[in-house]
Amino acid sequence: MTSRRTFLFKVIPAVGAAALLSRNALAAPAKLDENDPQAKGLGYKHDASKVDKAKYPKYAAGQHCGNCQLFQGKPTDATAPCAVFGGKLVENKGWCSAYTKKA
C-alpha cells in the first residue's frame, strides 16, 4: 500500500510537468522575421509591394501570402502559419519565392 506522502511526491511533479508541456504546446507560433536566413533565401517580405522585382521576376502584382496554397489560414486572416517556414506566422500581404497560387 502506498502512503499519502509517496503518492504526493510522485503525482505532484508529474502534474506540474504535464502543465508545463501543455502550456508550451499552446503557445502561439512566432512571427517570421524578414532577416531569418530561410526568409532571406526565399526573398520573403511582409509587404508584397516591396519585393525586388528585378531579383524575383516570378513575382506578379496580386500575388501575396493570403492567396498562396501554403498559407494555412483563411484568406481574411492578417497573419497565419506557413508550411514553408515551419509554421511561423507570415503576413497575409507578404510574399516569398515559394508562392504557389491557391487552386
Protein backbone atom coordinates (compact mmCIF):
# COMPACT_ATOMS: atom_id res chain seq x y z
CA MET A 1 0.00 0.00 0.00
CA THR A 2 1.31 3.44 -0.94
CA SER A 3 1.40 6.15 1.64
CA ARG A 4 -0.07 9.55 1.00
CA ARG A 5 3.39 11.15 1.13
CA THR A 6 4.81 8.78 -1.51
CA PHE A 7 1.77 9.36 -3.68
CA LEU A 8 2.11 13.14 -3.45
CA PHE A 9 5.84 13.04 -4.24
CA LYS A 10 5.07 11.12 -7.41
CA VAL A 11 1.87 12.78 -8.59
CA ILE A 12 2.60 16.48 -7.99
CA PRO A 13 5.80 16.56 -10.11
CA ALA A 14 4.04 14.64 -12.90
CA VAL A 15 1.10 17.06 -12.89
CA GLY A 16 3.48 20.04 -12.88
CA ALA A 17 5.44 18.65 -15.84
CA ALA A 18 2.23 17.99 -17.77
CA ALA A 19 1.06 21.55 -17.10
CA LEU A 20 4.33 22.99 -18.40
CA LEU A 21 4.27 20.84 -21.51
CA SER A 22 0.69 21.78 -22.34
CA ARG A 23 1.46 25.46 -21.74
CA ASN A 24 4.34 25.32 -24.24
CA ALA A 25 2.23 23.40 -26.73
CA LEU A 26 -0.45 26.09 -26.61
CA ALA A 27 1.98 28.97 -27.13
CA ALA A 28 1.29 30.96 -30.27
CA PRO A 29 3.68 30.42 -33.18
CA ALA A 30 6.38 33.02 -33.66
CA LYS A 31 6.08 35.67 -36.36
CA LEU A 32 8.54 35.21 -39.21
CA ASP A 33 11.33 37.78 -39.27
CA GLU A 34 12.41 39.06 -42.69
CA ASN A 35 16.02 38.62 -41.51
CA ASP A 36 15.54 34.91 -40.77
CA PRO A 37 18.05 33.04 -43.01
CA GLN A 38 15.33 30.97 -44.69
CA ALA A 39 13.15 34.05 -45.21
CA LYS A 40 16.08 35.92 -46.76
CA GLY A 41 16.86 32.96 -49.01
CA LEU A 42 13.30 32.91 -50.33
CA GLY A 43 13.02 36.69 -50.59
CA TYR A 44 10.21 36.93 -48.03
CA LYS A 45 8.79 40.41 -47.46
CA HIS A 46 5.99 41.33 -45.03
CA ASP A 47 4.61 43.60 -47.76
CA ALA A 48 4.49 42.12 -51.27
CA SER A 49 4.69 45.59 -52.83
CA LYS A 50 8.28 45.83 -51.54
CA VAL A 51 9.52 42.71 -53.37
CA ASP A 52 12.61 43.32 -55.51
CA LYS A 53 11.05 42.61 -58.91
CA ALA A 54 14.44 42.54 -60.63
CA LYS A 55 15.72 39.85 -58.25
CA TYR A 56 12.43 37.91 -58.23
CA PRO A 57 10.94 38.14 -61.76
CA LYS A 58 8.45 35.38 -60.82
CA TYR A 59 6.62 37.94 -58.68
CA ALA A 60 3.46 39.38 -60.25
CA ALA A 61 1.11 42.03 -58.92
CA GLY A 62 -1.71 40.49 -56.90
CA GLN A 63 0.40 37.64 -55.50
CA HIS A 64 0.53 37.58 -51.70
CA CYS A 65 0.58 35.02 -48.92
CA GLY A 66 -3.19 35.27 -48.38
CA ASN A 67 -3.87 33.71 -51.78
CA CYS A 68 -0.98 31.22 -51.66
CA GLN A 69 -1.59 27.49 -51.28
CA LEU A 70 0.98 27.32 -48.45
CA PHE A 71 -0.82 29.93 -46.27
CA GLN A 72 -2.50 27.90 -43.52
CA GLY A 73 -5.20 30.36 -42.60
CA LYS A 74 -8.28 31.97 -44.06
CA PRO A 75 -7.73 34.50 -46.85
CA THR A 76 -9.01 37.20 -44.48
CA ASP A 77 -6.56 36.42 -41.62
CA ALA A 78 -3.97 39.15 -41.05
CA THR A 79 -1.33 36.50 -40.25
CA ALA A 80 -1.27 32.72 -40.38
CA PRO A 81 1.26 29.88 -40.26
CA CYS A 82 3.11 29.00 -43.45
CA ALA A 83 4.10 25.45 -44.37
CA VAL A 84 7.38 26.61 -45.91
CA PHE A 85 8.56 28.39 -42.77
CA GLY A 86 7.86 25.65 -40.25
CA GLY A 87 4.53 27.06 -39.13
CA LYS A 88 5.87 30.53 -38.32
CA LEU A 89 3.34 33.32 -38.87
CA VAL A 90 3.56 35.24 -42.13
CA GLU A 91 1.68 38.38 -43.12
CA ASN A 92 -1.35 37.98 -45.37
CA LYS A 93 0.07 40.72 -47.61
CA GLY A 94 3.55 39.16 -47.59
CA TRP A 95 5.28 37.24 -50.38
CA CYS A 96 8.18 34.82 -50.96
CA SER A 97 9.55 32.99 -53.97
CA ALA A 98 7.81 29.77 -52.87
CA TYR A 99 4.47 31.39 -53.74
CA THR A 100 2.02 28.92 -55.28
CA LYS A 101 -1.39 30.20 -56.34
CA LYS A 102 -4.25 28.65 -54.40
CA ALA A 103 -6.39 26.38 -56.56
